[in-house]
Amino acid sequence: MVAPASLAGGAARFLAERTFAALTARDSRGTLWTSPVIGPKGFLDGTDTTLRVHALPAGPLQVLPAGQPAGMIAIDFATRCRLRVNGDLTAVGPDGFEIDVEQAYGNCPQYIHHHDLESLAATERELERGDRLSPDDIALIQQSDTFFLGTTHQRARGVDTSHRGGEPGFVRVEESHVWWPDYPGNNLFNSLGNLAVDDTASLLFLDFGTGLTLHLSGTAAIDWATGRTVHFTPSAIARWHPPRP
C-alpha cells in the first residue's frame, strides 16, 4: 500500500478478466451508496494510474456525479481473489466512468464464497426506494454469506469498498439496525479506521438466485467492548430488482 499506485501488470490482467465489481460513491443528493458494476470481460480497463470502467453502476448510483472520491473492489468468487482500487472519479459518460487511481492493492482470500453471477447480469430492472427494512429485506440479510461495505474518510478525502463474508446468519437484524462481527482479516483496518472518524456507511447485499440487489445507506458504529462488532442504522434503502409480475 505504501508503493505508488499502479494498475500495470498483474493488476490490469486481473481486472480485465472480471465481470463484477462493487463501487462506493455519492449520488447527486450526496448520499453514500455501494452498487454493483457488471459487464463482460474487458469492461474494467486498468492502465498505470487510470481505471476506465465501460459500464455504469446499477441501482441508486445510476446517476453518478464526477468530481468526487470513489472506492471500488473487483472480485473473483471462484478463485477468491480481490483487488481494491480507490481514487477520484474524474469523468462520467453515458457508457461508463473513469477513476484516477490513488490506491490499488489486493486482499487475502478469507471469507469469500463461490457464487454464480449470471442472475446479476439481467438488464431489465426497476429501482424501488424506501426508508425501512421490509420482511423480504430482513430475510435476504439474514441468509446472506456475503455483503459489501462502503466507508469514507473526510479528513483524507477517501472512499473505500470492502468485502465481508461469513457463514449464513453472520449478519443480524435487530429492530431498526443491522450488526455483524468483524472477523480477523488482513489487519489493515481500512473500514474500521474510516468508521472511527466518520460514521457514514453503505451496505450492498445481493440475492445471487434472483438477481435482486439491496442497498442501504446510513451510519455505523464500532462496539469495541464486544469483540469488535459493527452496528449499522439505515436511513435510506433502495432495491434494484427484476420487474415484478
Protein backbone atom coordinates (compact mmCIF):
# COMPACT_ATOMS: atom_id res chain seq x y z
CA MET A 1 0.00 0.00 0.00
CA VAL A 2 2.92 2.39 0.54
CA ALA A 3 4.17 1.88 -3.04
CA PRO A 4 2.95 4.23 -5.78
CA ALA A 5 -0.47 3.15 -7.09
CA SER A 6 -0.28 1.29 -10.38
CA LEU A 7 -2.62 -0.98 -12.34
CA ALA A 8 0.16 -2.20 -14.62
CA GLY A 9 1.00 -5.87 -14.99
CA GLY A 10 -0.90 -8.39 -12.91
CA ALA A 11 -3.47 -5.90 -11.60
CA ALA A 12 -4.51 -4.91 -15.13
CA ARG A 13 -4.77 -8.55 -16.19
CA PHE A 14 -6.87 -9.42 -13.15
CA LEU A 15 -9.25 -6.52 -13.80
CA ALA A 16 -9.59 -7.40 -17.48
CA GLU A 17 -10.90 -10.87 -16.59
CA ARG A 18 -13.55 -9.68 -14.13
CA THR A 19 -17.26 -9.36 -14.82
CA PHE A 20 -18.26 -7.95 -11.41
CA ALA A 21 -17.17 -5.10 -9.18
CA ALA A 22 -18.74 -3.03 -6.40
CA LEU A 23 -18.45 0.77 -6.33
CA THR A 24 -18.95 3.15 -3.41
CA ALA A 25 -19.66 6.81 -4.16
CA ARG A 26 -22.26 9.51 -3.55
CA ASP A 27 -25.35 10.17 -5.65
CA SER A 28 -26.47 13.61 -6.80
CA ARG A 29 -28.01 14.24 -3.36
CA GLY A 30 -24.77 13.43 -1.56
CA THR A 31 -25.98 10.09 -0.18
CA LEU A 32 -23.33 7.37 0.03
CA TRP A 33 -24.23 4.09 -1.71
CA THR A 34 -22.49 0.87 -2.71
CA SER A 35 -23.66 -0.58 -6.02
CA PRO A 36 -22.65 -3.43 -8.32
CA VAL A 37 -20.96 -2.68 -11.63
CA ILE A 38 -21.37 -5.52 -14.09
CA GLY A 39 -20.09 -6.10 -17.61
CA PRO A 40 -18.35 -8.55 -19.95
CA LYS A 41 -14.68 -9.41 -19.58
CA GLY A 42 -12.66 -6.34 -20.50
CA PHE A 43 -15.10 -3.77 -19.15
CA LEU A 44 -12.58 -2.93 -16.39
CA ASP A 45 -9.65 -1.38 -18.26
CA GLY A 46 -6.73 -0.52 -15.99
CA THR A 47 -3.63 1.23 -17.29
CA ASP A 48 -0.99 2.60 -14.92
CA THR A 49 -2.88 5.06 -12.67
CA THR A 50 -6.18 5.18 -14.58
CA LEU A 51 -9.12 2.79 -14.38
CA ARG A 52 -11.65 3.08 -17.20
CA VAL A 53 -14.93 1.31 -16.48
CA HIS A 54 -17.06 0.63 -19.55
CA ALA A 55 -20.34 0.26 -17.65
CA LEU A 56 -22.39 2.26 -15.18
CA PRO A 57 -23.28 1.12 -11.65
CA ALA A 58 -26.68 -0.41 -11.05
CA GLY A 59 -29.26 0.83 -8.58
CA PRO A 60 -29.12 4.22 -6.83
CA LEU A 61 -25.75 5.19 -8.38
CA GLN A 62 -27.09 5.19 -11.93
CA VAL A 63 -26.81 8.99 -11.73
CA LEU A 64 -23.16 9.30 -10.75
CA PRO A 65 -21.63 12.77 -10.35
CA ALA A 66 -17.99 13.22 -11.33
CA GLY A 67 -15.50 15.12 -9.20
CA GLN A 68 -15.72 13.02 -6.05
CA PRO A 69 -13.72 10.27 -4.32
CA ALA A 70 -14.79 6.69 -5.06
CA GLY A 71 -13.78 3.23 -3.96
CA MET A 72 -14.13 0.02 -5.97
CA ILE A 73 -13.46 -3.64 -5.31
CA ALA A 74 -13.19 -6.19 -8.13
CA ILE A 75 -13.64 -9.78 -7.02
CA ASP A 76 -13.37 -13.28 -8.45
CA PHE A 77 -15.69 -15.51 -6.41
CA ALA A 78 -14.26 -18.66 -7.99
CA THR A 79 -10.58 -18.12 -7.16
CA ARG A 80 -11.31 -15.98 -4.06
CA CYS A 81 -9.13 -13.13 -5.29
CA ARG A 82 -9.97 -9.44 -4.88
CA LEU A 83 -8.44 -6.09 -5.74
CA ARG A 84 -9.37 -2.76 -4.21
CA VAL A 85 -9.00 0.45 -6.23
CA ASN A 86 -9.55 3.85 -4.61
CA GLY A 87 -9.20 7.28 -6.11
CA ASP A 88 -11.00 10.23 -7.70
CA LEU A 89 -13.93 9.87 -10.06
CA THR A 90 -12.74 12.21 -12.78
CA ALA A 91 -15.18 11.57 -15.64
CA VAL A 92 -18.63 10.07 -16.14
CA GLY A 93 -20.25 9.43 -19.51
CA PRO A 94 -23.32 7.63 -20.86
CA ASP A 95 -21.45 4.33 -21.06
CA GLY A 96 -19.04 4.40 -18.14
CA PHE A 97 -16.70 6.35 -15.92
CA GLU A 98 -13.03 6.88 -15.11
CA ILE A 99 -11.10 6.77 -11.83
CA ASP A 100 -7.76 8.45 -11.22
CA VAL A 101 -6.18 5.77 -9.00
CA GLU A 102 -4.59 6.70 -5.68
CA GLN A 103 -4.56 3.24 -4.05
CA ALA A 104 -4.61 -0.25 -5.58
CA TYR A 105 -3.96 -3.39 -3.57
CA GLY A 106 -5.05 -6.98 -3.16
CA ASN A 107 -6.58 -8.59 -0.08
CA CYS A 108 -6.46 -12.03 1.48
CA PRO A 109 -8.96 -14.65 0.22
CA GLN A 110 -10.63 -15.24 3.58
CA TYR A 111 -14.44 -15.48 3.81
CA ILE A 112 -15.04 -15.31 0.04
CA HIS A 113 -17.72 -17.80 -1.04
CA HIS A 114 -18.33 -19.11 -4.54
CA HIS A 115 -21.33 -17.51 -6.27
CA ASP A 116 -22.78 -17.62 -9.78
CA LEU A 117 -23.14 -14.10 -11.19
CA GLU A 118 -25.45 -14.93 -14.10
CA SER A 119 -28.63 -13.59 -12.47
CA LEU A 120 -26.98 -10.23 -11.77
CA ALA A 121 -26.36 -9.62 -15.48
CA ALA A 122 -30.08 -9.15 -16.33
CA THR A 123 -30.59 -5.70 -17.85
CA GLU A 124 -34.30 -5.13 -17.18
CA ARG A 125 -34.54 -3.76 -13.65
CA GLU A 126 -36.66 -1.48 -11.52
CA LEU A 127 -35.45 0.81 -8.73
CA GLU A 128 -37.57 0.93 -5.59
CA ARG A 129 -36.78 3.20 -2.65
CA GLY A 130 -37.82 3.03 0.99
CA ASP A 131 -36.97 4.19 4.49
CA ARG A 132 -37.35 0.95 6.46
CA LEU A 133 -36.43 -2.70 6.04
CA SER A 134 -39.18 -4.95 4.70
CA PRO A 135 -39.62 -8.60 5.78
CA ASP A 136 -38.04 -9.65 2.45
CA ASP A 137 -35.07 -7.34 3.09
CA ILE A 138 -34.56 -8.85 6.54
CA ALA A 139 -34.76 -12.39 5.16
CA LEU A 140 -32.14 -11.61 2.50
CA ILE A 141 -29.78 -10.06 5.04
CA GLN A 142 -30.16 -12.94 7.48
CA GLN A 143 -29.44 -15.61 4.87
CA SER A 144 -26.52 -13.79 3.22
CA ASP A 145 -22.95 -15.08 3.41
CA THR A 146 -21.62 -12.05 1.51
CA PHE A 147 -22.06 -8.30 1.51
CA PHE A 148 -20.06 -5.20 0.61
CA LEU A 149 -19.32 -2.30 2.95
CA GLY A 150 -18.67 1.26 1.83
CA THR A 151 -16.93 3.76 4.12
CA THR A 152 -15.43 7.20 3.81
CA HIS A 153 -12.73 9.32 5.43
CA GLN A 154 -13.44 13.01 5.04
CA ARG A 155 -10.13 14.16 6.54
CA ALA A 156 -8.11 12.23 3.98
CA ARG A 157 -10.81 12.63 1.31
CA GLY A 158 -11.08 8.95 0.56
CA VAL A 159 -13.75 6.33 -0.05
CA ASP A 160 -13.32 2.57 0.26
CA THR A 161 -15.29 -0.57 -0.61
CA SER A 162 -14.63 -3.81 1.22
CA HIS A 163 -15.98 -7.36 1.07
CA ARG A 164 -17.47 -9.00 4.14
CA GLY A 165 -18.19 -12.73 4.33
CA GLY A 166 -19.09 -15.45 6.79
CA GLU A 167 -21.50 -18.30 7.29
CA PRO A 168 -25.17 -17.52 6.50
CA GLY A 169 -26.57 -15.74 9.52
CA PHE A 170 -23.39 -13.87 10.45
CA VAL A 171 -25.24 -10.61 9.77
CA ARG A 172 -28.05 -10.00 12.24
CA VAL A 173 -31.06 -7.69 12.18
CA GLU A 174 -32.43 -6.37 15.45
CA GLU A 175 -35.27 -3.85 15.46
CA SER A 176 -34.11 -0.99 13.24
CA HIS A 177 -30.42 -1.83 12.91
CA VAL A 178 -28.07 -4.37 11.34
CA TRP A 179 -24.97 -5.71 13.03
CA TRP A 180 -22.15 -8.15 12.34
CA PRO A 181 -18.88 -9.31 13.94
CA ASP A 182 -15.69 -8.00 12.39
CA TYR A 183 -13.67 -11.14 11.64
CA PRO A 184 -9.84 -11.02 11.57
CA GLY A 185 -8.59 -10.40 8.05
CA ASN A 186 -5.55 -8.62 6.66
CA ASN A 187 -5.32 -6.37 9.74
CA LEU A 188 -5.16 -3.18 7.69
CA PHE A 189 -8.36 -1.87 9.33
CA ASN A 190 -9.30 0.24 6.31
CA SER A 191 -13.03 0.12 7.00
CA LEU A 192 -12.84 0.33 10.80
CA GLY A 193 -10.30 3.15 10.55
CA ASN A 194 -12.71 5.11 8.38
CA LEU A 195 -15.65 4.45 10.69
CA ALA A 196 -13.62 5.60 13.69
CA VAL A 197 -13.54 9.13 12.25
CA ASP A 198 -16.64 9.18 10.00
CA ASP A 199 -19.70 7.05 10.75
CA THR A 200 -21.15 7.35 7.23
CA ALA A 201 -21.51 3.90 5.66
CA SER A 202 -23.32 1.95 2.96
CA LEU A 203 -24.09 -1.75 2.57
CA LEU A 204 -24.79 -3.87 -0.51
CA PHE A 205 -26.49 -7.27 -0.27
CA LEU A 206 -27.05 -9.47 -3.32
CA ASP A 207 -29.55 -12.23 -3.98
CA PHE A 208 -27.49 -14.41 -6.33
CA GLY A 209 -30.56 -16.50 -7.13
CA THR A 210 -32.98 -13.78 -8.28
CA GLY A 211 -30.54 -11.00 -9.14
CA LEU A 212 -32.06 -8.54 -6.66
CA THR A 213 -29.64 -6.13 -5.01
CA LEU A 214 -30.38 -4.41 -1.70
CA HIS A 215 -28.67 -1.08 -0.99
CA LEU A 216 -28.57 0.52 2.46
CA SER A 217 -27.16 3.93 3.35
CA GLY A 218 -26.79 5.20 6.91
CA THR A 219 -24.38 5.30 9.82
CA ALA A 220 -22.28 2.69 11.59
CA ALA A 221 -20.63 2.47 14.99
CA ILE A 222 -17.96 0.06 16.28
CA ASP A 223 -18.58 -1.69 19.59
CA TRP A 224 -15.05 -2.47 20.80
CA ALA A 225 -16.29 -3.98 24.07
CA THR A 226 -17.96 -6.95 22.38
CA GLY A 227 -15.03 -8.17 20.34
CA ARG A 228 -15.30 -5.61 17.53
CA THR A 229 -18.86 -5.69 16.28
CA VAL A 230 -20.25 -3.12 13.87
CA HIS A 231 -23.77 -1.75 14.33
CA PHE A 232 -25.36 -0.09 11.28
CA THR A 233 -28.53 2.02 11.23
CA PRO A 234 -30.03 2.58 7.76
CA SER A 235 -31.54 5.94 6.83
CA ALA A 236 -32.17 5.22 3.13
CA ILE A 237 -32.95 1.96 1.33
CA ALA A 238 -33.02 1.06 -2.36
CA ARG A 239 -33.87 -2.21 -4.10
CA TRP A 240 -32.76 -2.92 -7.69
CA HIS A 241 -34.82 -5.87 -8.86
CA PRO A 242 -36.22 -7.58 -11.96
CA PRO A 243 -39.72 -6.41 -12.96
CA ARG A 244 -42.37 -7.84 -10.70
CA PRO A 245 -45.17 -9.92 -12.29
